N, C-alpha and C. Protein backbone atom coordinates (compact mmCIF):
# COMPACT_ATOMS: atom_id res chain seq x y z
N MET A 1 0.72 -1.54 0.03
CA MET A 1 0.60 0.13 -0.29
C MET A 1 0.52 1.40 0.19
N ASP A 2 0.22 2.57 -0.48
CA ASP A 2 1.33 3.62 -0.51
C ASP A 2 0.97 4.60 0.71
N GLY A 3 1.79 5.25 1.63
CA GLY A 3 2.12 5.63 2.63
C GLY A 3 1.83 7.15 2.00
N THR A 4 1.89 7.63 1.05
CA THR A 4 1.11 8.89 0.65
C THR A 4 0.09 9.14 0.35
N HIS A 5 -1.85 8.24 0.47
CA HIS A 5 -2.93 8.34 0.71
C HIS A 5 -2.90 8.44 2.38
N ARG A 6 -3.41 9.74 2.42
CA ARG A 6 -4.20 9.38 4.41
C ARG A 6 -5.28 7.98 4.19
N ALA A 7 -6.08 7.69 3.59
CA ALA A 7 -7.17 6.69 3.58
C ALA A 7 -6.04 5.29 3.68
N ASN A 8 -5.19 5.26 3.46
CA ASN A 8 -3.78 3.55 3.66
C ASN A 8 -4.01 3.11 4.91
N ILE A 9 -3.41 4.57 5.77
CA ILE A 9 -2.60 4.49 7.10
C ILE A 9 -4.12 5.20 8.30
N GLN A 10 -3.82 4.06 9.15
CA GLN A 10 -4.64 4.03 10.06
C GLN A 10 -4.16 3.66 11.76
N PRO A 11 -4.89 4.73 13.21
CA PRO A 11 -4.24 4.32 13.87
C PRO A 11 -4.09 2.82 14.27
N GLY A 12 -2.90 1.80 14.90
CA GLY A 12 -2.97 0.44 14.81
C GLY A 12 -2.30 -0.17 13.92
N MET A 13 -1.68 0.42 12.93
CA MET A 13 -0.41 -0.72 12.08
C MET A 13 1.25 -0.02 11.34
N ARG A 14 1.81 -0.65 12.17
CA ARG A 14 2.60 -0.58 11.86
C ARG A 14 3.06 -0.42 10.18
N VAL A 15 3.94 0.65 10.29
CA VAL A 15 3.97 1.13 9.18
C VAL A 15 6.24 1.55 9.40
N ARG A 16 6.85 2.44 8.16
CA ARG A 16 7.99 2.55 8.41
C ARG A 16 7.98 3.90 7.92
N ILE A 17 8.38 4.72 8.30
CA ILE A 17 8.30 6.50 8.14
C ILE A 17 10.33 6.38 8.45
N VAL A 18 10.33 8.04 7.98
CA VAL A 18 11.70 8.39 8.01
C VAL A 18 10.99 10.17 8.39
N GLN A 19 11.86 9.44 9.26
CA GLN A 19 12.89 10.88 10.30
C GLN A 19 12.89 12.03 9.46
N LYS A 20 12.55 13.29 10.55
CA LYS A 20 12.99 14.77 9.65
C LYS A 20 14.23 14.81 9.26
N GLN A 21 15.62 14.40 10.61
CA GLN A 21 16.60 14.57 10.36
C GLN A 21 17.41 13.24 9.68
N ASP A 22 16.56 12.19 9.07
CA ASP A 22 16.95 11.24 8.48
C ASP A 22 16.84 11.20 7.28
N GLN A 23 16.15 11.92 6.67
CA GLN A 23 15.87 13.01 5.40
C GLN A 23 17.20 12.23 4.11
N ALA A 24 17.85 13.11 4.49
CA ALA A 24 19.38 12.65 3.73
C ALA A 24 19.40 11.16 3.52
N THR A 25 19.66 11.20 4.78
CA THR A 25 19.53 9.39 3.76
C THR A 25 18.95 8.50 4.38
N GLY A 26 17.82 8.59 3.83
CA GLY A 26 16.27 8.01 3.61
C GLY A 26 16.30 6.82 4.86
N LYS A 27 17.01 6.97 6.10
CA LYS A 27 17.01 5.54 6.86
C LYS A 27 15.00 5.72 7.16
N LEU A 28 14.87 3.97 7.87
CA LEU A 28 13.80 4.50 8.48
C LEU A 28 13.80 3.96 9.31
N THR A 29 12.62 4.26 10.09
CA THR A 29 11.76 3.33 11.26
C THR A 29 10.94 3.24 11.18
N GLU A 30 10.80 2.06 11.77
CA GLU A 30 9.27 1.10 11.84
C GLU A 30 8.80 1.59 13.65
N GLY A 31 7.37 1.47 12.84
CA GLY A 31 6.55 1.76 14.42
C GLY A 31 5.21 1.48 14.37
N ILE A 32 4.66 1.75 15.50
CA ILE A 32 3.35 1.56 15.24
C ILE A 32 2.39 3.18 15.70
N VAL A 33 1.03 3.48 14.39
CA VAL A 33 0.97 4.89 14.53
C VAL A 33 0.10 5.18 15.74
N LYS A 34 0.36 6.24 16.13
CA LYS A 34 -0.47 6.62 17.04
C LYS A 34 -1.44 7.92 16.92
N ASP A 35 -0.93 9.23 15.69
CA ASP A 35 -1.49 9.36 15.43
C ASP A 35 -1.29 10.18 14.02
N ILE A 36 -2.54 10.45 13.11
CA ILE A 36 -2.43 11.18 11.52
C ILE A 36 -2.18 12.41 12.00
N LEU A 37 -0.98 13.29 11.15
CA LEU A 37 0.03 14.64 11.33
C LEU A 37 -1.61 15.57 9.96
N THR A 38 -1.04 14.61 9.46
CA THR A 38 -1.51 15.27 8.45
C THR A 38 -3.17 15.59 7.67
N LYS A 39 -3.36 17.11 7.97
CA LYS A 39 -4.94 17.27 7.47
C LYS A 39 -5.61 16.71 6.49
N SER A 40 -4.92 16.25 4.95
CA SER A 40 -5.09 16.67 3.56
C SER A 40 -4.66 14.70 2.97
N ALA A 41 -5.60 15.10 2.10
CA ALA A 41 -5.98 13.54 1.42
C ALA A 41 -5.03 13.04 0.88
N THR A 42 -3.70 13.58 0.59
CA THR A 42 -2.19 13.34 -0.38
C THR A 42 -1.75 14.07 -0.20
N HIS A 43 -0.07 13.65 0.53
CA HIS A 43 1.04 14.22 0.36
C HIS A 43 1.90 13.44 -0.43
N PRO A 44 2.65 14.41 -1.11
CA PRO A 44 3.69 13.59 -2.21
C PRO A 44 4.87 13.28 -1.79
N HIS A 45 5.38 13.08 -0.38
CA HIS A 45 6.22 12.79 -0.01
C HIS A 45 5.97 11.81 1.43
N GLY A 46 4.99 11.37 1.32
CA GLY A 46 4.45 10.93 3.00
C GLY A 46 3.88 11.18 3.72
N ILE A 47 1.91 10.86 3.66
CA ILE A 47 1.29 11.77 4.89
C ILE A 47 2.19 11.64 6.51
N LYS A 48 2.44 12.72 7.54
CA LYS A 48 2.71 12.78 8.61
C LYS A 48 2.60 12.09 9.72
N VAL A 49 2.88 11.53 10.19
CA VAL A 49 2.21 10.32 11.64
C VAL A 49 3.22 10.51 12.78
N ARG A 50 2.38 10.19 14.67
CA ARG A 50 3.06 10.58 15.18
C ARG A 50 3.23 8.28 15.48
N LEU A 51 4.36 7.99 15.67
CA LEU A 51 4.21 6.46 16.38
C LEU A 51 3.66 6.62 18.23
N GLU A 52 3.65 5.42 17.95
CA GLU A 52 3.00 5.52 19.96
C GLU A 52 4.71 5.49 21.25
N ASN A 53 5.75 5.70 20.43
CA ASN A 53 7.32 6.05 20.91
C ASN A 53 6.73 7.27 20.46
N GLY A 54 6.22 8.79 20.41
CA GLY A 54 6.17 9.38 20.26
C GLY A 54 6.73 10.02 19.29
N GLN A 55 8.14 9.37 18.29
CA GLN A 55 8.99 9.94 16.81
C GLN A 55 7.37 10.30 15.59
N ILE A 56 7.89 11.22 15.46
CA ILE A 56 6.85 12.43 13.86
C ILE A 56 7.59 11.51 12.53
N GLY A 57 6.97 10.58 11.64
CA GLY A 57 7.39 11.16 10.53
C GLY A 57 6.91 10.84 9.49
N ARG A 58 7.47 10.33 7.89
CA ARG A 58 6.64 10.17 7.20
C ARG A 58 6.03 9.15 6.56
N VAL A 59 5.69 7.97 6.20
CA VAL A 59 5.07 6.77 6.25
C VAL A 59 5.49 6.81 5.15
N LYS A 60 6.66 5.72 4.80
CA LYS A 60 7.20 5.83 3.70
C LYS A 60 6.64 3.71 3.12
N GLU A 61 6.37 3.31 3.90
CA GLU A 61 6.33 1.83 3.77
C GLU A 61 5.01 1.23 4.82
N ILE A 62 4.20 0.88 4.49
CA ILE A 62 3.26 -0.14 5.43
C ILE A 62 3.13 -1.86 5.48
N VAL A 63 3.78 -1.66 6.97
CA VAL A 63 4.47 -3.21 7.27
C VAL A 63 3.21 -4.04 7.05
N SER A 64 2.27 -3.79 8.29
CA SER A 64 0.56 -4.18 8.44
C SER A 64 -0.52 -3.85 8.97
N VAL A 65 -0.73 -4.15 8.71
CA VAL A 65 -2.44 -3.54 9.34
C VAL A 65 -3.38 -3.51 10.03
């Protein structure tokens, strides 16, 4: 599934995000979605989410629902 569409992402999903400080390297961080922060239906760089551990980043991959 695509991390650029808000409809594909729900709280409780396991995703991989890229955090702001990791954008240059593309390092991904895996976690469970707590909150969806992007209000628009789509975003070209990925929907911004907050993980349960408090980390914030843009969804690059959806691991499981």
